[in-house]
N, C-alpha and C. Protein backbone atom coordinates (compact mmCIF):
# COMPACT_ATOMS: atom_id res chain seq x y z
N UNK A 1 -42.15 107.02 -16.70
CA UNK A 1 -43.05 108.11 -16.99
C UNK A 1 -42.97 108.45 -18.48
N UNK A 2 -44.12 108.61 -19.11
CA UNK A 2 -44.22 108.92 -20.53
C UNK A 2 -44.14 110.43 -20.73
N UNK A 3 -43.30 110.83 -21.66
CA UNK A 3 -43.24 112.26 -21.99
C UNK A 3 -43.69 112.44 -23.44
N UNK A 4 -44.41 113.48 -23.66
CA UNK A 4 -44.92 113.78 -25.00
C UNK A 4 -43.76 114.18 -25.90
N UNK A 5 -43.84 113.83 -27.19
CA UNK A 5 -42.79 114.27 -28.11
C UNK A 5 -42.71 115.79 -28.16
N UNK A 6 -41.50 116.26 -28.41
CA UNK A 6 -41.30 117.71 -28.51
C UNK A 6 -42.06 118.25 -29.71
N UNK A 7 -42.61 119.44 -29.59
CA UNK A 7 -43.29 120.04 -30.75
C UNK A 7 -42.30 120.32 -31.87
N UNK A 8 -42.81 120.35 -33.07
CA UNK A 8 -42.01 120.72 -34.24
C UNK A 8 -42.24 122.20 -34.47
N UNK A 9 -41.15 122.93 -34.61
CA UNK A 9 -41.26 124.36 -34.91
C UNK A 9 -40.21 124.71 -35.95
N UNK A 10 -40.63 125.38 -36.99
CA UNK A 10 -39.73 125.77 -38.07
C UNK A 10 -40.01 127.20 -38.47
N UNK A 11 -38.97 127.99 -38.55
CA UNK A 11 -39.09 129.37 -39.01
C UNK A 11 -38.81 129.37 -40.51
N UNK A 12 -39.66 130.02 -41.25
CA UNK A 12 -39.49 130.12 -42.70
C UNK A 12 -39.94 131.51 -43.15
N UNK A 13 -39.89 131.76 -44.41
CA UNK A 13 -40.35 133.04 -44.95
C UNK A 13 -41.47 132.81 -45.94
N UNK A 14 -42.34 133.77 -46.01
CA UNK A 14 -43.43 133.76 -46.98
C UNK A 14 -43.49 135.14 -47.61
N UNK A 15 -43.95 135.18 -48.82
CA UNK A 15 -44.14 136.45 -49.50
C UNK A 15 -45.63 136.76 -49.49
N UNK A 16 -46.00 137.85 -48.83
CA UNK A 16 -47.37 138.34 -48.81
C UNK A 16 -47.59 139.13 -50.10
N UNK A 17 -48.51 138.64 -50.93
CA UNK A 17 -48.79 139.30 -52.20
C UNK A 17 -49.82 140.39 -51.96
N UNK A 18 -49.42 141.62 -52.20
CA UNK A 18 -50.29 142.78 -51.98
C UNK A 18 -51.00 143.16 -53.28
N UNK A 19 -50.26 143.12 -54.38
CA UNK A 19 -50.82 143.40 -55.71
C UNK A 19 -49.91 142.72 -56.72
N UNK A 20 -50.20 142.91 -58.00
CA UNK A 20 -49.36 142.28 -59.02
C UNK A 20 -47.92 142.81 -59.00
N UNK A 21 -47.72 144.00 -58.42
CA UNK A 21 -46.39 144.59 -58.41
C UNK A 21 -45.82 144.80 -57.01
N UNK A 22 -46.55 144.41 -55.98
CA UNK A 22 -46.09 144.67 -54.60
C UNK A 22 -46.24 143.44 -53.75
N UNK A 23 -45.24 143.23 -52.91
CA UNK A 23 -45.28 142.13 -51.96
C UNK A 23 -44.38 142.48 -50.78
N UNK A 24 -44.52 141.71 -49.73
CA UNK A 24 -43.69 141.91 -48.55
C UNK A 24 -43.24 140.55 -48.05
N UNK A 25 -42.00 140.46 -47.62
CA UNK A 25 -41.46 139.23 -47.08
C UNK A 25 -41.77 139.16 -45.59
N UNK A 26 -42.37 138.04 -45.16
CA UNK A 26 -42.74 137.86 -43.76
C UNK A 26 -41.98 136.68 -43.18
N UNK A 27 -41.65 136.79 -41.92
CA UNK A 27 -41.09 135.66 -41.18
C UNK A 27 -42.26 134.90 -40.57
N UNK A 28 -42.37 133.61 -40.87
CA UNK A 28 -43.49 132.79 -40.44
C UNK A 28 -42.97 131.63 -39.61
N UNK A 29 -43.65 131.34 -38.51
CA UNK A 29 -43.32 130.18 -37.69
C UNK A 29 -44.34 129.10 -37.96
N UNK A 30 -43.87 127.93 -38.35
CA UNK A 30 -44.72 126.76 -38.55
C UNK A 30 -44.60 125.90 -37.30
N UNK A 31 -45.74 125.43 -36.78
CA UNK A 31 -45.74 124.63 -35.55
C UNK A 31 -46.62 123.40 -35.69
N UNK A 32 -46.17 122.32 -35.05
CA UNK A 32 -46.95 121.09 -34.98
C UNK A 32 -46.75 120.48 -33.61
N UNK A 33 -47.84 120.01 -32.99
CA UNK A 33 -47.78 119.40 -31.66
C UNK A 33 -48.46 118.04 -31.69
N UNK A 34 -47.86 117.07 -31.05
CA UNK A 34 -48.42 115.72 -30.99
C UNK A 34 -49.74 115.70 -30.23
N UNK A 35 -49.94 116.64 -29.29
CA UNK A 35 -51.19 116.64 -28.53
C UNK A 35 -52.34 117.26 -29.32
N UNK A 36 -52.06 117.78 -30.50
CA UNK A 36 -53.08 118.27 -31.42
C UNK A 36 -52.70 117.73 -32.80
N UNK A 37 -52.78 116.41 -32.98
CA UNK A 37 -52.13 115.74 -34.12
C UNK A 37 -52.73 116.00 -35.49
N UNK A 38 -53.92 116.53 -35.55
CA UNK A 38 -54.55 116.78 -36.86
C UNK A 38 -54.26 118.18 -37.39
N UNK A 39 -53.67 119.04 -36.58
CA UNK A 39 -53.54 120.45 -36.92
C UNK A 39 -52.09 120.90 -37.10
N UNK A 40 -51.92 121.91 -37.94
CA UNK A 40 -50.68 122.66 -38.03
C UNK A 40 -51.01 124.11 -37.72
N UNK A 41 -50.01 124.84 -37.33
CA UNK A 41 -50.19 126.25 -37.00
C UNK A 41 -49.20 127.08 -37.81
N UNK A 42 -49.68 128.23 -38.29
CA UNK A 42 -48.83 129.23 -38.93
C UNK A 42 -48.96 130.50 -38.11
N UNK A 43 -47.83 131.01 -37.65
CA UNK A 43 -47.83 132.22 -36.85
C UNK A 43 -47.12 133.32 -37.64
N UNK A 44 -47.86 134.42 -37.85
CA UNK A 44 -47.37 135.56 -38.62
C UNK A 44 -47.07 136.72 -37.67
N UNK A 45 -46.22 137.65 -38.07
CA UNK A 45 -45.90 138.80 -37.22
C UNK A 45 -47.16 139.56 -36.80
N UNK A 46 -47.20 139.97 -35.54
CA UNK A 46 -48.38 140.66 -34.98
C UNK A 46 -48.69 141.96 -35.72
N UNK A 47 -47.68 142.60 -36.31
CA UNK A 47 -47.95 143.88 -36.98
C UNK A 47 -48.83 143.72 -38.22
N UNK A 48 -49.11 142.50 -38.64
CA UNK A 48 -50.00 142.29 -39.77
C UNK A 48 -51.43 141.98 -39.33
N UNK A 49 -51.72 142.14 -38.07
CA UNK A 49 -53.07 141.93 -37.56
C UNK A 49 -53.90 143.19 -37.71
N UNK A 50 -55.23 143.02 -37.66
CA UNK A 50 -56.12 144.17 -37.80
C UNK A 50 -55.93 145.20 -36.70
N UNK A 51 -55.60 144.76 -35.50
CA UNK A 51 -55.49 145.71 -34.40
C UNK A 51 -54.07 146.25 -34.24
N UNK A 52 -53.19 146.02 -35.24
CA UNK A 52 -51.83 146.53 -35.16
C UNK A 52 -51.84 148.05 -35.25
N UNK A 53 -51.02 148.68 -34.41
CA UNK A 53 -50.95 150.14 -34.41
C UNK A 53 -50.20 150.65 -35.63
N UNK A 54 -49.22 149.88 -36.08
CA UNK A 54 -48.40 150.29 -37.22
C UNK A 54 -48.62 149.32 -38.37
N UNK A 55 -48.62 149.81 -39.60
CA UNK A 55 -48.71 148.89 -40.74
C UNK A 55 -47.43 148.08 -40.88
N UNK A 56 -47.52 146.95 -41.56
CA UNK A 56 -46.36 146.10 -41.81
C UNK A 56 -45.36 146.83 -42.67
N UNK A 57 -44.12 146.34 -42.73
CA UNK A 57 -43.09 147.01 -43.52
C UNK A 57 -43.47 147.06 -45.00
N UNK A 58 -43.21 148.21 -45.60
CA UNK A 58 -43.43 148.41 -47.04
C UNK A 58 -44.88 148.28 -47.47
N UNK A 59 -45.82 148.35 -46.56
CA UNK A 59 -47.23 148.23 -46.93
C UNK A 59 -47.98 149.48 -46.51
N UNK A 60 -48.88 149.97 -47.33
CA UNK A 60 -49.70 151.11 -46.92
C UNK A 60 -50.71 150.67 -45.87
N UNK A 61 -51.30 151.62 -45.18
CA UNK A 61 -52.25 151.31 -44.11
C UNK A 61 -53.33 150.34 -44.54
N UNK A 62 -53.90 150.51 -45.71
CA UNK A 62 -55.01 149.66 -46.15
C UNK A 62 -54.61 148.21 -46.31
N UNK A 63 -53.34 147.93 -46.58
CA UNK A 63 -52.90 146.56 -46.79
C UNK A 63 -52.30 145.93 -45.54
N UNK A 64 -52.10 146.70 -44.50
CA UNK A 64 -51.43 146.18 -43.31
C UNK A 64 -52.32 145.26 -42.51
N UNK A 65 -53.62 145.31 -42.72
CA UNK A 65 -54.49 144.55 -41.85
C UNK A 65 -55.16 143.36 -42.55
N UNK A 66 -54.52 142.76 -43.50
CA UNK A 66 -55.14 141.64 -44.19
C UNK A 66 -54.98 140.32 -43.43
N UNK A 67 -54.01 140.21 -42.54
CA UNK A 67 -53.83 138.97 -41.79
C UNK A 67 -54.45 139.08 -40.41
N UNK A 68 -55.46 138.31 -40.18
CA UNK A 68 -56.04 138.18 -38.86
C UNK A 68 -56.65 136.80 -38.80
N UNK A 69 -56.72 136.22 -37.63
CA UNK A 69 -57.33 134.89 -37.59
C UNK A 69 -58.84 135.04 -37.64
N UNK A 70 -59.59 133.96 -37.92
CA UNK A 70 -61.03 134.09 -38.07
C UNK A 70 -61.73 134.69 -36.85
N UNK A 71 -61.17 134.51 -35.68
CA UNK A 71 -61.77 135.07 -34.48
C UNK A 71 -61.37 136.53 -34.28
N UNK A 72 -60.44 137.02 -35.09
CA UNK A 72 -60.02 138.41 -34.98
C UNK A 72 -58.98 138.63 -33.90
N UNK A 73 -58.42 137.56 -33.33
CA UNK A 73 -57.45 137.70 -32.25
C UNK A 73 -56.05 137.85 -32.82
N UNK A 74 -55.23 138.59 -32.12
CA UNK A 74 -53.82 138.74 -32.48
C UNK A 74 -52.99 138.47 -31.24
N UNK A 75 -52.49 137.24 -31.07
CA UNK A 75 -51.67 136.96 -29.90
C UNK A 75 -50.45 137.86 -29.86
N UNK A 76 -49.90 138.05 -28.67
CA UNK A 76 -48.75 138.94 -28.50
C UNK A 76 -47.59 138.53 -29.40
N UNK A 77 -47.40 137.21 -29.60
CA UNK A 77 -46.28 136.78 -30.43
C UNK A 77 -46.64 136.66 -31.89
N UNK A 78 -47.85 137.01 -32.27
CA UNK A 78 -48.22 136.99 -33.67
C UNK A 78 -49.65 136.54 -33.90
N UNK A 79 -50.00 136.50 -35.16
CA UNK A 79 -51.32 136.07 -35.59
C UNK A 79 -51.21 134.59 -35.94
N UNK A 80 -52.00 133.76 -35.26
CA UNK A 80 -51.90 132.32 -35.45
C UNK A 80 -53.11 131.78 -36.21
N UNK A 81 -52.85 131.03 -37.27
CA UNK A 81 -53.88 130.32 -38.02
C UNK A 81 -53.67 128.84 -37.79
N UNK A 82 -54.74 128.14 -37.48
CA UNK A 82 -54.69 126.70 -37.22
C UNK A 82 -55.56 126.02 -38.26
N UNK A 83 -55.01 125.01 -38.92
CA UNK A 83 -55.78 124.26 -39.91
C UNK A 83 -55.21 122.85 -40.04
N UNK A 84 -55.87 122.02 -40.80
CA UNK A 84 -55.52 120.60 -40.90
C UNK A 84 -54.15 120.36 -41.54
N UNK A 85 -53.38 119.49 -40.91
CA UNK A 85 -52.09 119.10 -41.47
C UNK A 85 -52.29 118.47 -42.86
N UNK A 86 -53.36 117.67 -42.99
CA UNK A 86 -53.63 117.03 -44.27
C UNK A 86 -53.92 118.05 -45.37
N UNK A 87 -54.55 119.16 -45.03
CA UNK A 87 -54.80 120.22 -46.01
C UNK A 87 -53.49 120.77 -46.54
N UNK A 88 -52.55 121.02 -45.65
CA UNK A 88 -51.25 121.53 -46.08
C UNK A 88 -50.55 120.50 -46.96
N UNK A 89 -50.57 119.24 -46.56
CA UNK A 89 -49.90 118.19 -47.33
C UNK A 89 -50.52 118.03 -48.72
N UNK A 90 -51.83 117.97 -48.80
CA UNK A 90 -52.47 117.76 -50.10
C UNK A 90 -52.34 118.99 -50.99
N UNK A 91 -52.31 120.17 -50.40
CA UNK A 91 -52.19 121.40 -51.17
C UNK A 91 -50.83 121.60 -51.82
N UNK A 92 -49.84 120.82 -51.43
CA UNK A 92 -48.54 120.92 -52.08
C UNK A 92 -48.60 120.40 -53.52
N UNK A 93 -49.53 119.47 -53.78
CA UNK A 93 -49.61 118.85 -55.10
C UNK A 93 -50.88 119.19 -55.87
N UNK A 94 -51.98 119.47 -55.16
CA UNK A 94 -53.27 119.75 -55.81
C UNK A 94 -53.98 120.86 -55.07
N UNK A 95 -54.76 121.69 -55.76
CA UNK A 95 -55.54 122.71 -55.05
C UNK A 95 -56.43 122.05 -54.00
N UNK A 96 -56.37 122.56 -52.77
CA UNK A 96 -57.10 121.95 -51.65
C UNK A 96 -57.66 123.03 -50.75
N UNK A 97 -58.75 122.69 -50.08
CA UNK A 97 -59.29 123.57 -49.06
C UNK A 97 -60.67 124.08 -49.36
N UNK A 98 -61.41 124.26 -48.29
CA UNK A 98 -62.74 124.87 -48.32
C UNK A 98 -62.78 125.81 -47.12
N UNK A 99 -63.55 126.84 -47.21
CA UNK A 99 -63.68 127.74 -46.06
C UNK A 99 -62.56 128.75 -45.99
N UNK A 100 -61.96 128.89 -44.81
CA UNK A 100 -61.01 129.97 -44.53
C UNK A 100 -59.60 129.75 -45.08
N UNK A 101 -59.21 128.50 -45.33
CA UNK A 101 -57.83 128.21 -45.75
C UNK A 101 -57.84 127.39 -47.04
N UNK A 102 -57.08 127.86 -48.02
CA UNK A 102 -56.89 127.15 -49.29
C UNK A 102 -55.39 127.06 -49.54
N UNK A 103 -54.95 125.90 -50.03
CA UNK A 103 -53.54 125.69 -50.33
C UNK A 103 -53.46 125.09 -51.73
N UNK A 104 -52.52 125.61 -52.54
CA UNK A 104 -52.39 125.08 -53.90
C UNK A 104 -50.95 125.27 -54.38
N UNK A 105 -50.56 124.43 -55.36
CA UNK A 105 -49.23 124.63 -55.94
C UNK A 105 -49.18 125.97 -56.67
N UNK A 106 -48.05 126.62 -56.59
CA UNK A 106 -47.83 127.87 -57.31
C UNK A 106 -46.83 127.64 -58.42
N UNK A 107 -46.34 128.71 -58.99
CA UNK A 107 -45.34 128.61 -60.05
C UNK A 107 -44.01 128.13 -59.50
N UNK A 108 -43.30 127.34 -60.28
CA UNK A 108 -41.99 126.85 -59.86
C UNK A 108 -42.09 126.01 -58.61
N UNK A 109 -41.24 126.29 -57.66
CA UNK A 109 -41.22 125.55 -56.40
C UNK A 109 -41.97 126.28 -55.29
N UNK A 110 -43.03 126.97 -55.65
CA UNK A 110 -43.82 127.74 -54.69
C UNK A 110 -45.12 127.03 -54.36
N UNK A 111 -45.60 127.28 -53.17
CA UNK A 111 -46.94 126.85 -52.74
C UNK A 111 -47.66 128.09 -52.27
N UNK A 112 -48.90 128.24 -52.68
CA UNK A 112 -49.71 129.40 -52.34
C UNK A 112 -50.68 129.01 -51.22
N UNK A 113 -50.71 129.82 -50.18
CA UNK A 113 -51.66 129.65 -49.08
C UNK A 113 -52.54 130.89 -49.07
N UNK A 114 -53.84 130.67 -49.14
CA UNK A 114 -54.81 131.76 -49.12
C UNK A 114 -55.58 131.68 -47.81
N UNK A 115 -55.55 132.75 -47.04
CA UNK A 115 -56.24 132.83 -45.76
C UNK A 115 -57.36 133.84 -45.88
N UNK A 116 -58.57 133.41 -45.54
CA UNK A 116 -59.75 134.27 -45.68
C UNK A 116 -60.37 134.51 -44.31
N UNK A 117 -60.74 135.74 -44.08
CA UNK A 117 -61.48 136.10 -42.87
C UNK A 117 -62.52 137.14 -43.27
N UNK A 118 -63.45 137.46 -42.38
CA UNK A 118 -64.43 138.51 -42.71
C UNK A 118 -63.77 139.85 -43.00
N UNK A 119 -62.52 140.04 -42.55
CA UNK A 119 -61.83 141.31 -42.73
C UNK A 119 -60.98 141.38 -43.99
N UNK A 120 -60.84 140.27 -44.70
CA UNK A 120 -60.04 140.31 -45.91
C UNK A 120 -59.42 138.97 -46.25
N UNK A 121 -58.58 139.00 -47.27
CA UNK A 121 -57.92 137.81 -47.77
C UNK A 121 -56.42 138.08 -47.83
N UNK A 122 -55.63 137.10 -47.39
CA UNK A 122 -54.18 137.19 -47.50
C UNK A 122 -53.71 136.08 -48.43
N UNK A 123 -52.90 136.45 -49.39
CA UNK A 123 -52.34 135.50 -50.33
C UNK A 123 -50.84 135.43 -50.08
N UNK A 124 -50.35 134.23 -49.73
CA UNK A 124 -48.96 134.06 -49.36
C UNK A 124 -48.30 133.00 -50.22
N UNK A 125 -47.04 133.23 -50.56
CA UNK A 125 -46.25 132.23 -51.29
C UNK A 125 -45.15 131.71 -50.38
N UNK A 126 -45.05 130.38 -50.32
CA UNK A 126 -44.02 129.70 -49.54
C UNK A 126 -43.14 128.88 -50.48
N UNK A 127 -41.93 128.65 -50.07
CA UNK A 127 -41.06 127.70 -50.76
C UNK A 127 -41.59 126.30 -50.46
N UNK A 128 -41.95 125.55 -51.48
CA UNK A 128 -42.54 124.22 -51.31
C UNK A 128 -41.60 123.29 -50.54
N UNK A 129 -40.30 123.40 -50.78
CA UNK A 129 -39.32 122.54 -50.09
C UNK A 129 -39.37 122.78 -48.58
N UNK A 130 -39.52 124.04 -48.17
CA UNK A 130 -39.60 124.35 -46.74
C UNK A 130 -40.85 123.72 -46.11
N UNK A 131 -41.98 123.78 -46.82
CA UNK A 131 -43.21 123.19 -46.29
C UNK A 131 -43.09 121.67 -46.23
N UNK A 132 -42.50 121.07 -47.25
CA UNK A 132 -42.29 119.61 -47.22
C UNK A 132 -41.38 119.21 -46.06
N UNK A 133 -40.33 119.98 -45.79
CA UNK A 133 -39.44 119.68 -44.67
C UNK A 133 -40.20 119.73 -43.35
N UNK A 134 -41.01 120.76 -43.19
CA UNK A 134 -41.82 120.87 -41.97
C UNK A 134 -42.75 119.66 -41.82
N UNK A 135 -43.44 119.30 -42.90
CA UNK A 135 -44.35 118.15 -42.83
C UNK A 135 -43.59 116.86 -42.54
N UNK A 136 -42.41 116.69 -43.10
CA UNK A 136 -41.59 115.50 -42.85
C UNK A 136 -41.27 115.40 -41.36
N UNK A 137 -40.86 116.52 -40.77
CA UNK A 137 -40.56 116.52 -39.33
C UNK A 137 -41.82 116.22 -38.51
N UNK A 138 -42.97 116.75 -38.93
CA UNK A 138 -44.21 116.47 -38.19
C UNK A 138 -44.58 115.00 -38.29
N UNK A 139 -44.28 114.36 -39.44
CA UNK A 139 -44.58 112.94 -39.60
C UNK A 139 -43.63 112.07 -38.80
N UNK A 140 -42.46 112.58 -38.45
CA UNK A 140 -41.58 111.85 -37.54
C UNK A 140 -42.17 111.80 -36.13
N UNK A 141 -42.87 112.87 -35.74
CA UNK A 141 -43.49 112.94 -34.41
C UNK A 141 -44.76 112.10 -34.38
N UNK A 142 -45.63 112.29 -35.36
CA UNK A 142 -46.88 111.52 -35.49
C UNK A 142 -46.99 111.12 -36.95
N UNK A 143 -46.75 109.83 -37.25
CA UNK A 143 -46.83 109.39 -38.65
C UNK A 143 -48.22 109.61 -39.24
N UNK A 144 -48.23 109.88 -40.55
CA UNK A 144 -49.50 110.04 -41.24
C UNK A 144 -50.33 108.77 -41.07
N UNK A 145 -51.61 108.97 -40.74
CA UNK A 145 -52.51 107.84 -40.50
C UNK A 145 -52.56 107.39 -39.05
N UNK A 146 -51.65 107.91 -38.21
CA UNK A 146 -51.61 107.54 -36.80
C UNK A 146 -52.12 108.65 -35.88
N UNK A 147 -52.70 109.68 -36.47
CA UNK A 147 -53.12 110.86 -35.69
C UNK A 147 -54.13 110.50 -34.60
N UNK A 148 -55.07 109.64 -34.90
CA UNK A 148 -56.12 109.33 -33.92
C UNK A 148 -55.58 108.62 -32.69
N UNK A 149 -54.45 107.94 -32.81
CA UNK A 149 -53.82 107.30 -31.64
C UNK A 149 -53.30 108.35 -30.65
N UNK A 150 -53.03 109.54 -31.15
CA UNK A 150 -52.48 110.61 -30.31
C UNK A 150 -53.54 111.62 -29.89
N UNK A 151 -54.73 111.48 -30.40
CA UNK A 151 -55.79 112.44 -30.12
C UNK A 151 -56.42 112.16 -28.76
N UNK A 152 -56.47 113.16 -27.92
CA UNK A 152 -57.13 113.08 -26.61
C UNK A 152 -58.57 113.55 -26.82
N UNK A 153 -59.47 112.60 -27.04
CA UNK A 153 -60.86 112.94 -27.37
C UNK A 153 -61.55 113.71 -26.25
N UNK A 154 -61.27 113.37 -25.00
CA UNK A 154 -61.90 114.07 -23.88
C UNK A 154 -61.47 115.53 -23.84
N UNK A 155 -60.17 115.78 -24.05
CA UNK A 155 -59.67 117.16 -24.05
C UNK A 155 -60.25 117.93 -25.24
N UNK A 156 -60.27 117.28 -26.42
CA UNK A 156 -60.81 117.95 -27.60
C UNK A 156 -62.27 118.31 -27.43
N UNK A 157 -63.05 117.40 -26.84
CA UNK A 157 -64.47 117.68 -26.59
C UNK A 157 -64.64 118.80 -25.58
N UNK A 158 -63.83 118.79 -24.53
CA UNK A 158 -63.89 119.85 -23.52
C UNK A 158 -63.58 121.21 -24.13
N UNK A 159 -62.56 121.26 -25.01
CA UNK A 159 -62.21 122.53 -25.67
C UNK A 159 -63.33 122.98 -26.61
N UNK A 160 -63.94 122.03 -27.28
CA UNK A 160 -65.03 122.35 -28.20
C UNK A 160 -66.23 122.92 -27.47
N UNK A 161 -66.52 122.40 -26.28
CA UNK A 161 -67.69 122.82 -25.52
C UNK A 161 -67.42 124.01 -24.61
N UNK A 162 -66.16 124.39 -24.48
CA UNK A 162 -65.80 125.50 -23.56
C UNK A 162 -66.28 126.83 -24.08
């Protein structure tokens, strides 16, 4: 019997940039699954969603609601953003992205991830080494260039049409 590879999950920290003088440290979960080989997931604390009752730590009410996914949903375990693994990989070295997610090198060993929704923009800084480690582990599960071998086209089409 064939069993699917275990998902890759890594907890890391990101700095949410609120202004030139204010930021907040967030605990972020990075996820990768072989059954969705083209995508990575970033899960942020639920208190940073638009429908959060309380603002995030050290942030005023107006800044607490900048993180929400494009659909406006806030799962119980956090706000999840899903985007292309290749976007994350290319953004470590060159500015990349169109639409809701942009990734680019930052100062020093930082990588900047910009998340856009109709409700606002979140600018986050990650340690580039942490993102590279996550991508390395994801490439152990599904090597770069082999994603289509793991893609279940029937399931993907069903989800798209649902």
